[in-house]
C-alpha atoms as a PDB file:
ATOM      1  CA  MET A   1      38.522 183.414 343.784  1.00  0.00           C
ATOM      2  CA  LEU A   2      42.183 183.467 343.366  1.00  0.00           C
ATOM      3  CA  ILE A   3      44.389 183.570 340.457  1.00  0.00           C
ATOM      4  CA  ALA A   4      48.058 182.737 340.784  1.00  0.00           C
ATOM      5  CA  ASN A   5      50.234 184.572 338.250  1.00  0.00           C
ATOM      6  CA  ASP A   6      53.943 184.141 337.721  1.00  0.00           C
ATOM      7  CA  GLY A   7      54.146 186.291 334.590  1.00  0.00           C
ATOM      8  CA  SER A   8      54.303 183.156 332.368  1.00  0.00           C
ATOM      9  CA  GLU A   9      52.004 182.347 329.053  1.00  0.00           C
ATOM     10  CA  ALA A  10      50.148 179.760 331.126  1.00  0.00           C
ATOM     11  CA  ALA A  11      49.358 182.248 333.912  1.00  0.00           C
ATOM     12  CA  ALA A  12      48.016 184.665 331.197  1.00  0.00           C
ATOM     13  CA  LYS A  13      45.765 181.950 329.921  1.00  0.00           C
ATOM     14  CA  ALA A  14      44.584 181.187 333.436  1.00  0.00           C
ATOM     15  CA  LEU A  15      44.071 184.922 334.107  1.00  0.00           C
ATOM     16  CA  ASP A  16      41.820 185.320 331.142  1.00  0.00           C
ATOM     17  CA  VAL A  17      39.720 182.539 332.330  1.00  0.00           C
ATOM     18  CA  ALA A  18      39.664 183.829 336.044  1.00  0.00           C
ATOM     19  CA  ILE A  19      38.421 187.019 334.545  1.00  0.00           C
ATOM     20  CA  LYS A  20      35.698 185.524 332.667  1.00  0.00           C
ATOM     21  CA  LEU A  21      34.476 183.542 335.630  1.00  0.00           C
ATOM     22  CA  ALA A  22      34.668 186.331 337.967  1.00  0.00           C
ATOM     23  CA  HIS A  23      32.622 188.339 335.519  1.00  0.00           C
ATOM     24  CA  TRP A  24      29.908 185.712 335.010  1.00  0.00           C
ATOM     25  CA  LEU A  25      29.756 184.682 338.441  1.00  0.00           C
ATOM     26  CA  LYS A  26      30.205 188.334 340.091  1.00  0.00           C
ATOM     27  CA  ALA A  27      32.844 187.136 342.166  1.00  0.00           C
ATOM     28  CA  ARG A  28      35.534 188.852 343.912  1.00  0.00           C
ATOM     29  CA  LEU A  29      38.991 188.176 342.245  1.00  0.00           C
ATOM     30  CA  HIS A  30      42.408 188.374 343.825  1.00  0.00           C
ATOM     31  CA  MET A  31      45.755 187.622 342.138  1.00  0.00           C
ATOM     32  CA  ILE A  32      48.808 186.509 344.056  1.00  0.00           C
ATOM     33  CA  SER A  33      52.340 186.559 342.456  1.00  0.00           C
ATOM     34  CA  VAL A  34      55.119 185.182 344.430  1.00  0.00           C
ATOM     35  CA  GLU A  35      58.814 186.461 344.175  1.00  0.00           C
ATOM     36  CA  GLU A  36      60.676 183.099 344.760  1.00  0.00           C
ATOM     37  CA  LEU A  37      63.461 183.098 347.198  1.00  0.00           C
ATOM     38  CA  MET A  38      67.018 182.449 345.765  1.00  0.00           C
ATOM     39  CA  ASP A  39      68.062 178.780 346.072  1.00  0.00           C
ATOM     40  CA  MET A  40      71.658 179.336 346.032  1.00  0.00           C
ATOM     41  CA  PRO A  41      73.797 181.659 348.374  1.00  0.00           C
ATOM     42  CA  ALA A  42      74.513 185.067 346.538  1.00  0.00           C
ATOM     43  CA  THR A  43      76.410 188.189 347.032  1.00  0.00           C
ATOM     44  CA  LEU A  44      74.410 191.127 348.378  1.00  0.00           C
ATOM     45  CA  ASP A  45      74.727 192.782 345.088  1.00  0.00           C
ATOM     46  CA  GLU A  46      73.024 189.686 343.403  1.00  0.00           C
ATOM     47  CA  VAL A  47      70.323 189.572 345.871  1.00  0.00           C
ATOM     48  CA  VAL A  48      69.677 193.241 345.193  1.00  0.00           C
ATOM     49  CA  GLU A  49      69.849 193.140 341.575  1.00  0.00           C
ATOM     50  CA  GLU A  50      67.523 190.128 341.547  1.00  0.00           C
ATOM     51  CA  GLU A  51      65.132 191.768 343.862  1.00  0.00           C
ATOM     52  CA  ARG A  52      64.833 194.776 341.466  1.00  0.00           C
ATOM     53  CA  GLU A  53      64.355 192.670 338.370  1.00  0.00           C
ATOM     54  CA  GLU A  54      61.503 190.683 340.301  1.00  0.00           C
ATOM     55  CA  LYS A  55      59.944 193.862 341.305  1.00  0.00           C
ATOM     56  CA  HIS A  56      60.016 195.367 337.766  1.00  0.00           C
ATOM     57  CA  ARG A  57      58.557 192.001 336.339  1.00  0.00           C
ATOM     58  CA  TYR A  58      55.805 191.957 338.892  1.00  0.00           C
ATOM     59  CA  ALA A  59      54.863 195.412 338.362  1.00  0.00           C
ATOM     60  CA  LYS A  60      54.334 194.576 334.629  1.00  0.00           C
ATOM     61  CA  VAL A  61      52.255 191.455 335.386  1.00  0.00           C
ATOM     62  CA  ILE A  62      50.070 193.386 337.937  1.00  0.00           C
ATOM     63  CA  ALA A  63      49.500 196.348 335.438  1.00  0.00           C
ATOM     64  CA  GLN A  64      48.691 193.780 332.666  1.00  0.00           C
ATOM     65  CA  ALA A  65      46.146 191.922 334.835  1.00  0.00           C
ATOM     66  CA  GLN A  66      44.635 195.185 335.811  1.00  0.00           C
ATOM     67  CA  PHE A  67      44.158 196.230 332.509  1.00  0.00           C
ATOM     68  CA  LYS A  68      42.711 192.897 331.395  1.00  0.00           C
ATOM     69  CA  ALA A  69      40.378 192.894 334.404  1.00  0.00           C
ATOM     70  CA  LYS A  70      39.022 196.593 334.029  1.00  0.00           C
ATOM     71  CA  SER A  71      38.350 195.813 330.309  1.00  0.00           C
ATOM     72  CA  ALA A  72      36.038 193.134 331.404  1.00  0.00           C
ATOM     73  CA  HIS A  73      34.671 195.194 334.119  1.00  0.00           C
ATOM     74  CA  VAL A  74      36.063 193.124 336.797  1.00  0.00           C
ATOM     75  CA  THR A  75      37.660 194.393 339.906  1.00  0.00           C
ATOM     76  CA  ILE A  76      40.840 192.567 340.770  1.00  0.00           C
ATOM     77  CA  GLU A  77      42.967 193.010 343.969  1.00  0.00           C
ATOM     78  CA  THR A  78      46.622 192.171 343.612  1.00  0.00           C
ATOM     79  CA  HIS A  79      49.051 190.703 346.044  1.00  0.00           C
ATOM     80  CA  VAL A  80      52.867 190.217 345.730  1.00  0.00           C
ATOM     81  CA  ARG A  81      54.506 188.114 348.466  1.00  0.00           C
ATOM     82  CA  VAL A  82      58.066 186.668 348.715  1.00  0.00           C
ATOM     83  CA  GLY A  83      58.906 183.121 349.529  1.00  0.00           C
ATOM     84  CA  HIS A  84      58.419 179.577 348.196  1.00  0.00           C
ATOM     85  CA  ALA A  85      55.430 179.773 345.792  1.00  0.00           C
ATOM     86  CA  VAL A  86      53.604 176.786 346.896  1.00  0.00           C
ATOM     87  CA  GLN A  87      53.717 177.581 350.731  1.00  0.00           C
ATOM     88  CA  VAL A  88      53.029 181.142 350.164  1.00  0.00           C
ATOM     89  CA  ILE A  89      49.795 180.403 348.094  1.00  0.00           C
ATOM     90  CA  VAL A  90      48.503 177.540 350.386  1.00  0.00           C
ATOM     91  CA  ASP A  91      48.929 179.847 353.345  1.00  0.00           C
ATOM     92  CA  PHE A  92      47.219 182.886 351.620  1.00  0.00           C
ATOM     93  CA  ILE A  93      44.340 180.429 350.521  1.00  0.00           C
ATOM     94  CA  GLU A  94      43.783 179.390 354.149  1.00  0.00           C
ATOM     95  CA  ARG A  95      44.229 182.883 355.508  1.00  0.00           C
ATOM     96  CA  GLU A  96      41.757 184.536 353.201  1.00  0.00           C
ATOM     97  CA  ARG A  97      39.618 181.505 352.910  1.00  0.00           C
ATOM     98  CA  PHE A  98      39.491 181.230 349.128  1.00  0.00           C
ATOM     99  CA  ASP A  99      37.115 178.585 347.588  1.00  0.00           C
ATOM    100  CA  LEU A 100      38.773 178.517 344.224  1.00  0.00           C
ATOM    101  CA  LEU A 101      42.350 178.660 342.825  1.00  0.00           C
ATOM    102  CA  VAL A 102      42.946 179.192 339.092  1.00  0.00           C
ATOM    103  CA  ILE A 103      46.360 178.295 337.933  1.00  0.00           C
ATOM    104  CA  GLY A 104      47.999 177.778 334.573  1.00  0.00           C
ATOM    105  CA  TYR A 105      49.447 174.582 333.562  1.00  0.00           C
ATOM    106  CA  MET A 106      52.963 174.320 331.893  1.00  0.00           C
ATOM    107  CA  GLY A 107      53.931 171.057 330.642  1.00  0.00           C
ATOM    108  CA  HIS A 108      57.589 169.989 331.546  1.00  0.00           C
ATOM    109  CA  SER A 109      59.326 166.491 330.691  1.00  0.00           C
ATOM    110  CA  ALA A 110      58.953 163.532 332.436  1.00  0.00           C
ATOM    111  CA  LEU A 111      62.405 163.954 333.815  1.00  0.00           C
ATOM    112  CA  TYR A 112      61.731 167.296 335.204  1.00  0.00           C
ATOM    113  CA  ASN A 113      58.551 166.442 336.775  1.00  0.00           C
ATOM    114  CA  ARG A 114      60.341 163.470 338.503  1.00  0.00           C
ATOM    115  CA  LEU A 115      63.329 165.392 339.764  1.00  0.00           C
ATOM    116  CA  ILE A 116      61.884 168.608 340.596  1.00  0.00           C
ATOM    117  CA  GLY A 117      57.988 168.405 340.203  1.00  0.00           C
ATOM    118  CA  SER A 118      55.912 171.390 339.098  1.00  0.00           C
ATOM    119  CA  THR A 119      54.266 174.052 341.200  1.00  0.00           C
ATOM    120  CA  THR A 120      51.014 173.344 339.607  1.00  0.00           C
ATOM    121  CA  ASP A 121      51.133 169.628 340.699  1.00  0.00           C
ATOM    122  CA  ARG A 122      52.198 170.564 344.240  1.00  0.00           C
ATOM    123  CA  LEU A 123      49.299 172.892 344.389  1.00  0.00           C
ATOM    124  CA  VAL A 124      46.753 170.377 343.312  1.00  0.00           C
ATOM    125  CA  GLU A 125      48.156 168.136 345.863  1.00  0.00           C
ATOM    126  CA  LEU A 126      48.101 170.767 348.798  1.00  0.00           C
ATOM    127  CA  ALA A 127      45.617 173.598 348.057  1.00  0.00           C
ATOM    128  CA  PRO A 128      42.814 173.533 350.622  1.00  0.00           C
ATOM    129  CA  CYS A 129      40.221 174.576 348.019  1.00  0.00           C
ATOM    130  CA  GLN A 130      38.881 173.628 344.631  1.00  0.00           C
ATOM    131  CA  ILE A 131      41.364 174.272 341.694  1.00  0.00           C
ATOM    132  CA  LEU A 132      40.887 175.097 338.012  1.00  0.00           C
ATOM    133  CA  VAL A 133      43.796 174.320 335.971  1.00  0.00           C
ATOM    134  CA  VAL A 134      43.922 175.859 332.858  1.00  0.00           C
ATOM    135  CA  LYS A 135      45.898 174.570 329.762  1.00  0.00           C
END
């Protein structure tokens, strides 16, 4: 079982559900977080600062996930990758052969979804496994 965690409130809810499921099913639980690539060109200083902030943010996400999992007597293996979230997660699922992806759903406006779409929507479309979307 894989939980995708970007540090959002929706991901925190999904993590809680994934931990409960892993406990009930005695399943192995992995968590992936993806440091998104910057979309626009930036100076080297901006890239370094962004990378430092992302590493700090994901260190907190990992620590919180490990604490929650340990409290529920669940072992969690964490992974942080760099790239575009959807492609990184899909590739990771294929490589590790996960049978379930747990993700949080964060509602956006209709305009946002038409122009940009959401990571959740893209994963539902492309992930090669079953998906549990937590609201």
